[in-house]
Amino acid sequence: MKTNKVVISGLVQGIFFRNFIKGKADELGVKGHVRNLETGEVEVFLEGEDGKVNKMVEICKKGSPHSQVKEAVVEEIKHIGFEDFKVVNI
């Protein structure tokens, strides 16, 4: 079991990026959440089997068809215990 926090910068807000990430997480069975930050970045928490979390990190780095990911900063963090994957609105 692995938990990662990913902060993604670039053209990632206002283009359904969060819904794209949620769809991919649901496909892989990864839990966590995604939200827009006031800085213009998107923050993603990913929790699940190592290989699936690693795949989601790669998806975050690549981005959605309409996004332009400039940078994705990945940090391994302590297990949180998410029940599902949600899009969080601030």
N, C-alpha and C. Protein backbone atom coordinates (compact mmCIF):
# COMPACT_ATOMS: atom_id res chain seq x y z
N MET A 1 0.85 -1.19 0.00
CA MET A 1 0.00 0.00 0.00
C MET A 1 0.89 1.24 0.00
N LYS A 2 0.51 2.20 -0.83
CA LYS A 2 1.32 3.40 -1.01
C LYS A 2 0.41 4.61 -1.04
N THR A 3 0.89 5.73 -0.50
CA THR A 3 0.16 6.99 -0.55
C THR A 3 1.09 8.08 -1.06
N ASN A 4 0.66 8.76 -2.12
CA ASN A 4 1.43 9.85 -2.70
C ASN A 4 0.59 11.12 -2.76
N LYS A 5 1.26 12.24 -2.60
CA LYS A 5 0.67 13.56 -2.85
C LYS A 5 1.38 14.10 -4.08
N VAL A 6 0.61 14.57 -5.06
CA VAL A 6 1.17 15.12 -6.29
C VAL A 6 0.61 16.53 -6.47
N VAL A 7 1.50 17.49 -6.68
CA VAL A 7 1.08 18.86 -6.97
C VAL A 7 1.49 19.15 -8.41
N ILE A 8 0.49 19.45 -9.24
CA ILE A 8 0.69 19.59 -10.68
C ILE A 8 0.51 21.05 -11.07
N SER A 9 1.48 21.57 -11.81
CA SER A 9 1.40 22.96 -12.28
C SER A 9 1.39 22.97 -13.80
N GLY A 10 0.92 24.08 -14.34
CA GLY A 10 0.79 24.24 -15.79
C GLY A 10 -0.64 24.63 -16.10
N LEU A 11 -1.10 24.30 -17.31
CA LEU A 11 -2.49 24.54 -17.70
C LEU A 11 -3.30 23.34 -17.24
N VAL A 12 -3.78 23.40 -15.99
CA VAL A 12 -4.45 22.24 -15.40
C VAL A 12 -5.78 22.60 -14.71
N GLN A 13 -6.19 23.86 -14.78
CA GLN A 13 -7.49 24.24 -14.19
C GLN A 13 -8.41 24.75 -15.28
N GLY A 14 -9.71 24.48 -15.11
CA GLY A 14 -10.71 24.97 -16.05
C GLY A 14 -10.82 24.17 -17.32
N ILE A 15 -10.25 22.95 -17.33
CA ILE A 15 -10.27 22.12 -18.54
C ILE A 15 -10.67 20.68 -18.24
N PHE A 16 -11.41 20.49 -17.16
CA PHE A 16 -11.89 19.16 -16.73
C PHE A 16 -10.76 18.22 -16.33
N PHE A 17 -9.63 18.78 -15.90
CA PHE A 17 -8.49 17.97 -15.48
C PHE A 17 -8.83 17.11 -14.28
N ARG A 18 -9.54 17.69 -13.30
CA ARG A 18 -9.89 16.92 -12.10
C ARG A 18 -10.79 15.73 -12.44
N ASN A 19 -11.75 15.93 -13.33
CA ASN A 19 -12.63 14.83 -13.72
C ASN A 19 -11.86 13.76 -14.47
N PHE A 20 -10.87 14.17 -15.28
CA PHE A 20 -10.01 13.22 -15.99
C PHE A 20 -9.25 12.36 -14.98
N ILE A 21 -8.66 12.99 -13.97
CA ILE A 21 -7.90 12.27 -12.94
C ILE A 21 -8.82 11.32 -12.17
N LYS A 22 -10.02 11.79 -11.82
CA LYS A 22 -10.96 10.92 -11.10
C LYS A 22 -11.32 9.70 -11.94
N GLY A 23 -11.58 9.89 -13.20
CA GLY A 23 -11.93 8.77 -14.08
C GLY A 23 -10.82 7.73 -14.14
N LYS A 24 -9.59 8.19 -14.26
CA LYS A 24 -8.44 7.27 -14.32
C LYS A 24 -8.25 6.56 -12.98
N ALA A 25 -8.42 7.28 -11.87
CA ALA A 25 -8.29 6.67 -10.55
C ALA A 25 -9.36 5.60 -10.34
N ASP A 26 -10.58 5.90 -10.76
CA ASP A 26 -11.68 4.93 -10.65
C ASP A 26 -11.39 3.69 -11.48
N GLU A 27 -10.86 3.87 -12.69
CA GLU A 27 -10.51 2.74 -13.56
C GLU A 27 -9.49 1.82 -12.89
N LEU A 28 -8.51 2.43 -12.21
CA LEU A 28 -7.43 1.65 -11.60
C LEU A 28 -7.76 1.19 -10.18
N GLY A 29 -8.82 1.72 -9.60
CA GLY A 29 -9.17 1.37 -8.22
C GLY A 29 -8.29 2.05 -7.19
N VAL A 30 -7.81 3.25 -7.54
CA VAL A 30 -6.99 4.05 -6.62
C VAL A 30 -7.91 4.99 -5.85
N LYS A 31 -7.65 5.16 -4.57
CA LYS A 31 -8.46 6.03 -3.72
C LYS A 31 -7.72 7.34 -3.45
N GLY A 32 -8.46 8.36 -2.99
CA GLY A 32 -7.85 9.64 -2.68
C GLY A 32 -8.76 10.78 -3.07
N HIS A 33 -8.16 11.91 -3.44
CA HIS A 33 -8.95 13.04 -3.94
C HIS A 33 -8.09 13.97 -4.78
N VAL A 34 -8.77 14.82 -5.54
CA VAL A 34 -8.12 15.82 -6.38
C VAL A 34 -8.84 17.14 -6.15
N ARG A 35 -8.05 18.22 -6.10
CA ARG A 35 -8.66 19.54 -5.92
C ARG A 35 -7.79 20.61 -6.56
N ASN A 36 -8.45 21.70 -6.96
CA ASN A 36 -7.74 22.88 -7.43
C ASN A 36 -7.19 23.64 -6.23
N LEU A 37 -6.01 24.22 -6.40
CA LEU A 37 -5.44 25.09 -5.38
C LEU A 37 -5.57 26.53 -5.85
N GLU A 38 -5.58 27.44 -4.91
CA GLU A 38 -5.70 28.87 -5.25
C GLU A 38 -4.51 29.37 -6.05
N THR A 39 -3.41 28.64 -6.03
CA THR A 39 -2.19 29.01 -6.76
C THR A 39 -2.29 28.71 -8.25
N GLY A 40 -3.37 28.02 -8.68
CA GLY A 40 -3.51 27.62 -10.08
C GLY A 40 -3.04 26.20 -10.31
N GLU A 41 -2.52 25.56 -9.26
CA GLU A 41 -2.07 24.18 -9.36
C GLU A 41 -3.21 23.24 -8.99
N VAL A 42 -2.99 21.95 -9.26
CA VAL A 42 -3.93 20.92 -8.85
C VAL A 42 -3.19 19.98 -7.90
N GLU A 43 -3.86 19.64 -6.79
CA GLU A 43 -3.28 18.73 -5.79
C GLU A 43 -4.04 17.41 -5.84
N VAL A 44 -3.27 16.32 -5.89
CA VAL A 44 -3.87 14.99 -5.97
C VAL A 44 -3.29 14.12 -4.86
N PHE A 45 -4.16 13.45 -4.11
CA PHE A 45 -3.75 12.44 -3.15
C PHE A 45 -4.13 11.09 -3.74
N LEU A 46 -3.18 10.16 -3.78
CA LEU A 46 -3.38 8.85 -4.38
C LEU A 46 -3.01 7.78 -3.37
N GLU A 47 -3.89 6.79 -3.22
CA GLU A 47 -3.63 5.73 -2.26
C GLU A 47 -4.09 4.40 -2.84
N GLY A 48 -3.22 3.39 -2.75
CA GLY A 48 -3.57 2.07 -3.25
C GLY A 48 -2.34 1.21 -3.42
N GLU A 49 -2.50 0.15 -4.22
CA GLU A 49 -1.39 -0.75 -4.51
C GLU A 49 -0.27 0.04 -5.19
N ASP A 50 0.97 -0.31 -4.85
CA ASP A 50 2.14 0.43 -5.36
C ASP A 50 2.09 0.65 -6.86
N GLY A 51 1.87 -0.41 -7.62
CA GLY A 51 1.88 -0.31 -9.08
C GLY A 51 0.79 0.60 -9.62
N LYS A 52 -0.37 0.55 -9.01
CA LYS A 52 -1.49 1.39 -9.46
C LYS A 52 -1.25 2.86 -9.12
N VAL A 53 -0.70 3.12 -7.94
CA VAL A 53 -0.37 4.50 -7.57
C VAL A 53 0.72 5.04 -8.50
N ASN A 54 1.72 4.20 -8.79
CA ASN A 54 2.79 4.62 -9.71
C ASN A 54 2.22 4.96 -11.08
N LYS A 55 1.26 4.16 -11.56
CA LYS A 55 0.63 4.43 -12.86
C LYS A 55 -0.13 5.76 -12.81
N MET A 56 -0.84 6.02 -11.71
CA MET A 56 -1.56 7.28 -11.58
C MET A 56 -0.60 8.47 -11.55
N VAL A 57 0.55 8.30 -10.91
CA VAL A 57 1.54 9.38 -10.89
C VAL A 57 1.98 9.70 -12.33
N GLU A 58 2.20 8.67 -13.13
CA GLU A 58 2.60 8.88 -14.53
C GLU A 58 1.48 9.58 -15.31
N ILE A 59 0.23 9.21 -15.04
CA ILE A 59 -0.91 9.88 -15.69
C ILE A 59 -0.95 11.35 -15.29
N CYS A 60 -0.69 11.65 -14.02
CA CYS A 60 -0.65 13.04 -13.55
C CYS A 60 0.44 13.82 -14.26
N LYS A 61 1.60 13.19 -14.45
CA LYS A 61 2.72 13.86 -15.11
C LYS A 61 2.43 14.14 -16.58
N LYS A 62 1.71 13.23 -17.22
CA LYS A 62 1.38 13.39 -18.64
C LYS A 62 0.23 14.36 -18.83
N GLY A 63 -0.79 14.24 -17.96
CA GLY A 63 -1.95 15.12 -18.04
C GLY A 63 -3.03 14.60 -18.96
N SER A 64 -4.10 15.38 -19.03
CA SER A 64 -5.24 15.06 -19.88
C SER A 64 -4.99 15.59 -21.30
N PRO A 65 -5.85 15.19 -22.24
CA PRO A 65 -5.65 15.67 -23.63
C PRO A 65 -5.61 17.19 -23.78
N HIS A 66 -6.33 17.93 -22.91
CA HIS A 66 -6.40 19.39 -23.06
C HIS A 66 -5.48 20.14 -22.09
N SER A 67 -4.74 19.41 -21.26
CA SER A 67 -3.87 20.06 -20.29
C SER A 67 -2.45 20.21 -20.83
N GLN A 68 -1.69 21.04 -20.15
CA GLN A 68 -0.26 21.19 -20.44
C GLN A 68 0.45 21.17 -19.10
N VAL A 69 0.93 19.99 -18.71
CA VAL A 69 1.60 19.85 -17.42
C VAL A 69 3.01 20.40 -17.53
N LYS A 70 3.30 21.37 -16.68
CA LYS A 70 4.64 21.96 -16.62
C LYS A 70 5.51 21.17 -15.65
N GLU A 71 4.94 20.84 -14.49
CA GLU A 71 5.69 20.12 -13.46
C GLU A 71 4.73 19.34 -12.58
N ALA A 72 5.17 18.19 -12.11
CA ALA A 72 4.42 17.39 -11.15
C ALA A 72 5.37 16.99 -10.03
N VAL A 73 5.15 17.55 -8.85
CA VAL A 73 6.00 17.27 -7.70
C VAL A 73 5.34 16.16 -6.88
N VAL A 74 6.06 15.05 -6.72
CA VAL A 74 5.53 13.87 -6.06
C VAL A 74 6.18 13.71 -4.69
N GLU A 75 5.35 13.44 -3.70
CA GLU A 75 5.84 13.23 -2.34
C GLU A 75 5.15 12.00 -1.77
N GLU A 76 5.93 11.04 -1.28
CA GLU A 76 5.33 9.89 -0.60
C GLU A 76 5.01 10.30 0.82
N ILE A 77 3.78 10.03 1.24
CA ILE A 77 3.32 10.46 2.56
C ILE A 77 2.75 9.28 3.33
N LYS A 78 2.43 9.54 4.60
CA LYS A 78 1.86 8.53 5.50
C LYS A 78 0.47 8.12 5.02
N HIS A 79 0.13 6.86 5.19
CA HIS A 79 -1.18 6.32 4.82
C HIS A 79 -2.30 7.12 5.48
N ILE A 80 -3.32 7.47 4.70
CA ILE A 80 -4.44 8.27 5.20
C ILE A 80 -5.68 7.41 5.43
N GLY A 81 -5.96 6.49 4.52
CA GLY A 81 -7.13 5.63 4.65
C GLY A 81 -8.36 6.15 3.92
N PHE A 82 -8.17 6.63 2.69
CA PHE A 82 -9.30 7.10 1.88
C PHE A 82 -10.26 5.94 1.60
N GLU A 83 -11.55 6.26 1.51
CA GLU A 83 -12.56 5.24 1.23
C GLU A 83 -12.86 5.12 -0.26
N ASP A 84 -12.65 6.20 -1.00
CA ASP A 84 -12.92 6.23 -2.44
C ASP A 84 -12.12 7.37 -3.06
N PHE A 85 -12.41 7.73 -4.29
CA PHE A 85 -11.74 8.86 -4.92
C PHE A 85 -12.76 9.94 -5.21
N LYS A 86 -12.46 11.17 -4.76
CA LYS A 86 -13.41 12.28 -4.90
C LYS A 86 -12.75 13.48 -5.56
N VAL A 87 -13.59 14.27 -6.22
CA VAL A 87 -13.21 15.60 -6.66
C VAL A 87 -13.66 16.55 -5.56
N VAL A 88 -12.69 17.29 -4.99
CA VAL A 88 -12.99 18.21 -3.89
C VAL A 88 -13.04 19.63 -4.43
N ASN A 89 -14.09 20.35 -4.09
CA ASN A 89 -14.21 21.75 -4.49
C ASN A 89 -13.83 22.65 -3.33
N ILE A 90 -13.05 23.69 -3.64
CA ILE A 90 -12.66 24.62 -2.57
C ILE A 90 -13.54 25.85 -2.61
